[in-house]
Amino acid sequence: MDIGEIARRSGVSRSTVSYALSGKRPVSKETRQRIQAVIDELGYRPNAVARALKEGRTRTIGLVIPPASRRLTDLQLGFVASVVDAAARVDLDVLLSPSGGEHDRSFERVVAGRRVDGVIVMEIRLEDDRVTRLRQTGLPFVGIGRTGRPEEMSWVDVDYEMLISRCVHHLADLGHRRIALVNRSAELVASGYGPGHRAQAGFLHTVAERHLEGVQTCCADDAQSGVACVERLLDEHPGLTAIATINEAAIPGMYRALSEAGLTVPDDFSIAGVSAQHWAENLHPPLTAADVPTDELGAHAVEMLIQRIADPDTTHRHLLVAPPISLRGTTGPARARDPLS
């Protein structure tokens, strides 16, 4: 039983439960009593959290992010913000550490120097040297993402395979027969980036299941690359009518390329993807997408890490989420311009 379950049964937020337990901020008597009643009913004792916070030498956790030279996507920024916020609610500081290339020295200082009580690692590869190094040191850690051996660590993750499959099914149900998967950059996918490979698996499986014509391509995380990517797709695959994507940063460029080609979204062309909710809602038109719950996942990652700090030998925990597709303004029936529709 965890704080999230207590919050759900009490009808309050996770932060309110945290404040009631820690006394860090005032909570009304009525709310405190309601929370205490749920705690008593469940027999919950916040010993793990209390012990972790008491025994932590630095009261600081590390958050390992992509290289500083690469602009963070909106989704990545959402994870950073959620981890920082969740840590602040239990009076922990967060030390940001980039990794990759020349930044590996920063990662090594965090790990070897014991500057933190535990680490949350983002952007996990199927084979990830950072995970191997952390396991060697014994420093408690949790992944936002998972390796190809998910049992070896604690993690929270988005089910990209399932979500891209749902996007393709949705597009196929609308009559689209030629669909492209626009992935993250070729460099990132080649490095074993987990979401990219799982998106590919979901795409290939569903294209085969629905007897569709599918094409895959990679695209860097910026609008101009999105323009070039769609221009190339339209040139090489003139019957294409839809895109499924996990590359939210390239989507504004995709919109622009389609407009410059004289195609309107969704009347002539459809796009569905995986994205942060507020990013999807603020695009024009708003993106049909699976909205990744960064706040929830970041909070769970911090909670898992605190428990591992308290008891490094505790059983690894895993949380895999697959939010539903939110239908917005970028998907519609396939037009007759597709010769297979």
Protein backbone atom coordinates (compact mmCIF):
# COMPACT_ATOMS: atom_id res chain seq x y z
CA MET A 1 0.00 0.00 0.00
CA ASP A 2 1.38 3.42 -0.92
CA ILE A 3 0.59 7.12 -0.62
CA GLY A 4 -1.18 7.11 -3.99
CA GLU A 5 -3.74 4.56 -2.77
CA ILE A 6 -4.31 6.50 0.46
CA ALA A 7 -4.88 9.67 -1.60
CA ARG A 8 -7.36 7.91 -3.89
CA ARG A 9 -9.40 6.47 -1.02
CA SER A 10 -9.31 9.75 0.89
CA GLY A 11 -10.37 11.82 -2.10
CA VAL A 12 -7.34 14.14 -1.84
CA SER A 13 -4.09 14.65 -3.75
CA ARG A 14 -0.88 12.73 -3.12
CA SER A 15 0.76 15.95 -1.93
CA THR A 16 -1.97 16.48 0.69
CA VAL A 17 -1.34 13.00 2.10
CA SER A 18 2.40 13.74 2.13
CA TYR A 19 1.85 17.01 3.97
CA ALA A 20 -0.45 15.31 6.49
CA LEU A 21 2.18 12.66 7.21
CA SER A 22 5.17 14.97 7.35
CA GLY A 23 3.57 18.06 8.89
CA LYS A 24 5.53 20.13 6.38
CA ARG A 25 2.44 22.19 5.50
CA PRO A 26 -0.86 22.73 7.34
CA VAL A 27 -3.74 20.40 6.51
CA SER A 28 -7.26 20.99 7.82
CA LYS A 29 -8.37 18.92 10.81
CA GLU A 30 -11.21 17.34 8.83
CA THR A 31 -8.91 16.31 5.97
CA ARG A 32 -6.27 14.99 8.35
CA GLN A 33 -8.89 12.89 10.15
CA ARG A 34 -10.17 11.49 6.86
CA ILE A 35 -6.64 10.55 5.81
CA GLN A 36 -5.93 9.01 9.20
CA ALA A 37 -9.10 6.93 8.99
CA VAL A 38 -7.95 5.46 5.67
CA ILE A 39 -4.47 4.82 7.08
CA ASP A 40 -5.95 3.02 10.08
CA GLU A 41 -8.26 1.00 7.85
CA LEU A 42 -5.43 -0.10 5.59
CA GLY A 43 -2.91 -0.60 8.36
CA TYR A 44 -0.46 1.64 6.49
CA ARG A 45 2.72 2.71 8.23
CA PRO A 46 5.00 5.14 6.36
CA ASN A 47 8.10 3.54 7.89
CA ALA A 48 9.98 3.16 4.60
CA VAL A 49 9.63 6.79 3.65
CA ALA A 50 10.39 8.04 7.15
CA ARG A 51 13.46 5.83 7.46
CA ALA A 52 14.75 6.81 4.02
CA LEU A 53 14.46 10.52 4.74
CA LYS A 54 16.05 10.11 8.14
CA GLU A 55 18.95 7.95 6.99
CA GLY A 56 19.70 9.75 3.72
CA ARG A 57 23.10 11.36 4.05
CA THR A 58 22.53 14.18 1.58
CA ARG A 59 18.75 14.56 1.36
CA THR A 60 19.41 14.88 -2.37
CA ILE A 61 18.49 12.60 -5.26
CA GLY A 62 20.06 12.67 -8.70
CA LEU A 63 18.10 12.97 -11.95
CA VAL A 64 20.15 11.82 -14.95
CA ILE A 65 18.93 13.61 -18.08
CA PRO A 66 19.96 13.54 -21.78
CA PRO A 67 23.04 15.54 -22.85
CA ALA A 68 22.86 19.28 -22.24
CA SER A 69 23.76 19.85 -25.89
CA ARG A 70 20.44 18.35 -26.96
CA ARG A 71 17.28 20.38 -26.44
CA LEU A 72 14.88 18.55 -24.14
CA THR A 73 11.49 17.75 -25.63
CA ASP A 74 8.32 18.93 -23.93
CA LEU A 75 7.72 15.38 -22.70
CA GLN A 76 11.20 15.16 -21.19
CA LEU A 77 10.76 18.55 -19.51
CA GLY A 78 7.50 17.26 -18.07
CA PHE A 79 9.32 14.35 -16.44
CA VAL A 80 11.98 16.67 -15.04
CA ALA A 81 9.37 19.01 -13.56
CA SER A 82 7.35 16.14 -12.06
CA VAL A 83 10.39 14.59 -10.36
CA VAL A 84 11.49 17.94 -8.94
CA ASP A 85 7.97 18.65 -7.67
CA ALA A 86 7.51 15.20 -6.12
CA ALA A 87 10.90 15.41 -4.41
CA ALA A 88 10.11 18.86 -3.02
CA ARG A 89 6.93 17.52 -1.44
CA VAL A 90 9.05 15.26 0.77
CA ASP A 91 11.74 17.88 1.34
CA LEU A 92 14.37 16.42 -0.98
CA ASP A 93 16.62 18.36 -3.35
CA VAL A 94 17.28 17.21 -6.92
CA LEU A 95 20.69 17.32 -8.60
CA LEU A 96 20.40 17.32 -12.40
CA SER A 97 23.18 15.46 -14.19
CA PRO A 98 23.45 15.15 -18.00
CA SER A 99 24.85 11.93 -19.43
CA GLY A 100 26.21 10.82 -22.78
CA GLY A 101 29.49 11.66 -24.52
CA GLU A 102 31.53 14.26 -22.67
CA HIS A 103 28.83 14.48 -20.00
CA ASP A 104 29.59 10.98 -18.74
CA ARG A 105 32.12 12.55 -16.39
CA SER A 106 29.28 14.35 -14.67
CA PHE A 107 27.36 11.10 -14.31
CA GLU A 108 30.43 9.37 -12.87
CA ARG A 109 30.95 12.15 -10.31
CA VAL A 110 27.37 11.76 -9.13
CA VAL A 111 27.64 7.98 -8.88
CA ALA A 112 31.16 7.54 -7.53
CA GLY A 113 31.20 10.66 -5.36
CA ARG A 114 28.05 9.65 -3.46
CA ARG A 115 26.75 13.17 -3.83
CA VAL A 116 23.19 11.83 -3.76
CA ASP A 117 21.26 9.18 -1.86
CA GLY A 118 19.80 7.67 -5.03
CA VAL A 119 19.30 8.30 -8.74
CA ILE A 120 16.47 8.45 -11.27
CA VAL A 121 17.66 7.77 -14.82
CA MET A 122 15.82 8.99 -17.93
CA GLU A 123 15.94 7.89 -21.59
CA ILE A 124 16.83 4.27 -20.94
CA ARG A 125 18.43 2.14 -23.70
CA LEU A 126 17.78 -1.57 -24.19
CA GLU A 127 21.46 -2.04 -23.28
CA ASP A 128 22.37 0.87 -20.99
CA ASP A 129 25.85 1.37 -19.59
CA ARG A 130 24.49 3.73 -16.93
CA VAL A 131 22.26 1.00 -15.54
CA THR A 132 25.20 -1.41 -15.51
CA ARG A 133 27.34 1.13 -13.66
CA LEU A 134 24.65 1.88 -11.09
CA ARG A 135 24.14 -1.81 -10.39
CA GLN A 136 27.89 -2.18 -9.85
CA THR A 137 28.02 0.64 -7.30
CA GLY A 138 24.95 -0.45 -5.34
CA LEU A 139 23.57 3.11 -5.38
CA PRO A 140 19.75 2.93 -5.26
CA PHE A 141 18.21 3.90 -8.59
CA VAL A 142 14.97 3.87 -10.58
CA GLY A 143 14.46 4.25 -14.32
CA ILE A 144 12.00 6.32 -16.27
CA GLY A 145 12.08 3.66 -18.96
CA ARG A 146 13.49 0.12 -18.87
CA THR A 147 16.23 -1.95 -20.45
CA GLY A 148 15.79 -5.12 -22.48
CA ARG A 149 15.90 -6.98 -19.15
CA PRO A 150 13.15 -5.23 -17.21
CA GLU A 151 13.46 -7.50 -14.18
CA GLU A 152 16.94 -6.13 -13.35
CA MET A 153 15.74 -2.77 -12.01
CA SER A 154 12.81 -0.74 -10.71
CA TRP A 155 11.14 1.46 -13.31
CA VAL A 156 8.14 3.40 -14.54
CA ASP A 157 7.46 3.49 -18.26
CA VAL A 158 5.02 4.25 -21.04
CA ASP A 159 3.84 1.30 -23.15
CA TYR A 160 4.96 2.72 -26.49
CA GLU A 161 4.39 -0.59 -28.27
CA MET A 162 0.76 -0.65 -27.20
CA LEU A 163 0.18 3.06 -27.85
CA ILE A 164 1.56 3.10 -31.39
CA SER A 165 -0.49 -0.03 -32.05
CA ARG A 166 -3.60 1.82 -30.88
CA CYS A 167 -2.75 4.80 -33.10
CA VAL A 168 -2.44 2.52 -36.15
CA HIS A 169 -5.67 0.70 -35.31
CA HIS A 170 -7.44 4.07 -35.00
CA LEU A 171 -6.12 5.23 -38.36
CA ALA A 172 -7.00 1.90 -40.00
CA ASP A 173 -10.53 2.12 -38.60
CA LEU A 174 -10.82 5.48 -40.40
CA GLY A 175 -9.92 3.80 -43.69
CA HIS A 176 -6.23 4.66 -43.93
CA ARG A 177 -4.30 1.94 -45.75
CA ARG A 178 -0.87 3.55 -46.17
CA ILE A 179 0.57 4.74 -42.87
CA ALA A 180 4.04 5.91 -41.81
CA LEU A 181 5.74 5.65 -38.43
CA VAL A 182 7.86 8.73 -37.71
CA ASN A 183 10.27 7.72 -34.96
CA ARG A 184 12.90 9.70 -33.04
CA SER A 185 16.33 10.38 -34.56
CA ALA A 186 18.24 7.63 -36.38
CA GLU A 187 21.14 8.09 -33.94
CA LEU A 188 18.89 7.63 -30.93
CA VAL A 189 17.14 4.56 -32.32
CA ALA A 190 20.48 3.03 -33.36
CA SER A 191 21.74 3.49 -29.79
CA GLY A 192 19.00 1.15 -28.56
CA TYR A 193 16.53 3.79 -27.34
CA GLY A 194 13.75 1.73 -25.75
CA PRO A 195 10.66 3.74 -26.81
CA GLY A 196 11.88 3.88 -30.41
CA HIS A 197 12.32 0.11 -30.64
CA ARG A 198 9.05 -0.64 -28.89
CA ALA A 199 7.20 1.81 -31.17
CA GLN A 200 8.66 -0.04 -34.16
CA ALA A 201 7.47 -3.38 -32.78
CA GLY A 202 3.94 -2.09 -32.20
CA PHE A 203 3.83 -0.53 -35.66
CA LEU A 204 5.05 -3.61 -37.54
CA HIS A 205 2.75 -5.97 -35.66
CA THR A 206 -0.36 -3.85 -36.24
CA VAL A 207 0.40 -3.07 -39.88
CA ALA A 208 0.66 -6.81 -40.51
CA GLU A 209 -2.47 -7.57 -38.49
CA ARG A 210 -4.55 -5.00 -40.38
CA HIS A 211 -3.00 -5.79 -43.80
CA LEU A 212 -1.76 -2.23 -44.27
CA GLU A 213 1.12 -0.74 -46.21
CA GLY A 214 3.51 0.67 -43.63
CA VAL A 215 6.69 2.68 -43.93
CA GLN A 216 9.11 3.65 -41.16
CA THR A 217 11.41 6.63 -40.92
CA CYS A 218 13.46 8.44 -38.28
CA CYS A 219 13.43 12.18 -37.65
CA ALA A 220 15.46 14.52 -35.44
CA ASP A 221 13.69 16.31 -32.59
CA ASP A 222 12.98 19.67 -34.21
CA ALA A 223 10.46 21.33 -36.52
CA GLN A 224 12.77 21.75 -39.52
CA SER A 225 13.55 18.04 -39.47
CA GLY A 226 9.80 17.40 -39.36
CA VAL A 227 9.41 19.46 -42.53
CA ALA A 228 12.15 17.53 -44.35
CA CYS A 229 10.82 14.19 -43.11
CA VAL A 230 7.28 14.72 -44.40
CA GLU A 231 8.49 16.21 -47.69
CA ARG A 232 10.52 13.05 -48.25
CA LEU A 233 7.64 10.77 -47.27
CA LEU A 234 5.21 12.48 -49.63
CA ASP A 235 7.72 12.35 -52.47
CA GLU A 236 8.62 8.69 -52.01
CA HIS A 237 5.16 7.43 -50.99
CA PRO A 238 2.54 9.50 -52.85
CA GLY A 239 -0.35 7.33 -51.61
CA LEU A 240 0.46 7.98 -47.95
CA THR A 241 -2.49 9.41 -45.97
CA ALA A 242 -1.51 9.13 -42.31
CA ILE A 243 1.35 9.25 -39.80
CA ALA A 244 1.76 7.71 -36.35
CA THR A 245 4.58 9.26 -34.33
CA ILE A 246 6.38 9.40 -30.99
CA ASN A 247 8.35 12.50 -32.08
CA GLU A 248 6.33 15.38 -30.67
CA ALA A 249 9.07 17.96 -31.25
CA ALA A 250 8.93 17.39 -35.02
CA ILE A 251 5.13 17.67 -35.32
CA PRO A 252 4.93 21.45 -35.96
CA GLY A 253 7.26 20.88 -38.93
CA MET A 254 5.07 18.02 -40.14
CA TYR A 255 2.08 20.36 -40.10
CA ARG A 256 4.00 22.95 -42.10
CA ALA A 257 5.16 20.47 -44.72
CA LEU A 258 1.64 19.16 -45.23
CA SER A 259 0.28 22.70 -45.57
CA GLU A 260 2.98 23.62 -48.10
CA ALA A 261 2.03 20.49 -50.07
CA GLY A 262 -1.57 21.73 -50.22
CA LEU A 263 -2.87 19.12 -47.79
CA THR A 264 -5.12 19.98 -44.85
CA VAL A 265 -5.23 18.13 -41.54
CA PRO A 266 -7.39 16.10 -41.01
CA ASP A 267 -9.38 16.41 -44.28
CA ASP A 268 -6.52 15.24 -46.54
CA PHE A 269 -4.06 13.75 -44.07
CA SER A 270 -4.20 12.37 -40.51
CA ILE A 271 -1.66 12.35 -37.68
CA ALA A 272 -1.83 10.49 -34.35
CA GLY A 273 0.87 10.07 -31.76
CA VAL A 274 2.20 9.91 -28.21
CA SER A 275 2.72 13.27 -26.51
CA ALA A 276 2.50 15.43 -23.41
CA GLN A 277 -1.13 16.51 -22.99
CA HIS A 278 -0.67 20.27 -22.92
CA TRP A 279 1.63 20.09 -25.95
CA ALA A 280 -0.98 18.11 -27.90
CA GLU A 281 -3.80 20.43 -26.86
CA ASN A 282 -1.91 23.58 -27.84
CA LEU A 283 -1.01 22.49 -31.36
CA HIS A 284 -3.16 23.81 -34.22
CA PRO A 285 -5.08 21.67 -34.85
CA PRO A 286 -4.86 19.86 -31.50
CA LEU A 287 -3.16 16.49 -31.86
CA THR A 288 -5.01 13.19 -31.52
CA ALA A 289 -2.69 11.46 -29.07
CA ALA A 290 -2.09 9.23 -26.10
CA ASP A 291 -1.39 11.78 -23.37
CA VAL A 292 1.60 10.68 -21.27
CA PRO A 293 0.90 11.27 -17.53
CA THR A 294 4.30 12.76 -16.67
CA ASP A 295 3.13 14.04 -13.26
CA GLU A 296 1.95 10.61 -12.19
CA LEU A 297 5.00 8.77 -13.49
CA GLY A 298 7.49 11.23 -12.00
CA ALA A 299 5.81 10.99 -8.60
CA HIS A 300 5.84 7.18 -8.73
CA ALA A 301 9.53 7.18 -9.69
CA VAL A 302 10.40 9.34 -6.66
CA GLU A 303 8.30 7.14 -4.38
CA MET A 304 9.98 3.99 -5.68
CA LEU A 305 13.42 5.54 -5.21
CA ILE A 306 12.71 6.57 -1.63
CA GLN A 307 11.66 3.02 -0.84
CA ARG A 308 14.84 1.65 -2.40
CA ILE A 309 16.93 4.11 -0.38
CA ALA A 310 15.19 2.85 2.75
CA ASP A 311 15.60 -0.81 1.79
CA PRO A 312 17.96 -1.46 -1.16
CA ASP A 313 17.10 -5.16 -1.06
CA THR A 314 13.39 -4.65 -1.53
CA THR A 315 11.77 -6.36 -4.53
CA HIS A 316 11.96 -4.35 -7.74
CA ARG A 317 8.73 -2.57 -8.64
CA HIS A 318 7.46 -1.82 -12.15
CA LEU A 319 4.76 0.50 -13.46
CA LEU A 320 3.79 0.37 -17.15
CA VAL A 321 1.06 2.75 -18.30
CA ALA A 322 -0.93 2.90 -21.54
CA PRO A 323 -3.20 5.96 -21.51
CA PRO A 324 -6.13 6.01 -23.94
CA ILE A 325 -6.00 7.89 -27.24
CA SER A 326 -7.57 11.35 -26.85
CA LEU A 327 -9.41 12.15 -30.08
CA ARG A 328 -8.77 15.74 -31.14
CA GLY A 329 -8.38 17.52 -34.44
CA THR A 330 -5.79 15.63 -36.49
CA THR A 331 -7.49 12.38 -37.51
CA GLY A 332 -10.34 11.87 -39.94
CA PRO A 333 -11.56 9.47 -42.64
CA ALA A 334 -9.12 8.63 -45.42
CA ARG A 335 -9.75 10.56 -48.64
CA ALA A 336 -10.27 8.89 -52.02
CA ARG A 337 -6.80 10.15 -53.09
CA ASP A 338 -5.46 6.97 -51.50
CA PRO A 339 -5.79 4.36 -54.28
CA LEU A 340 -6.16 1.55 -51.74
CA SER A 341 -8.93 3.13 -49.68
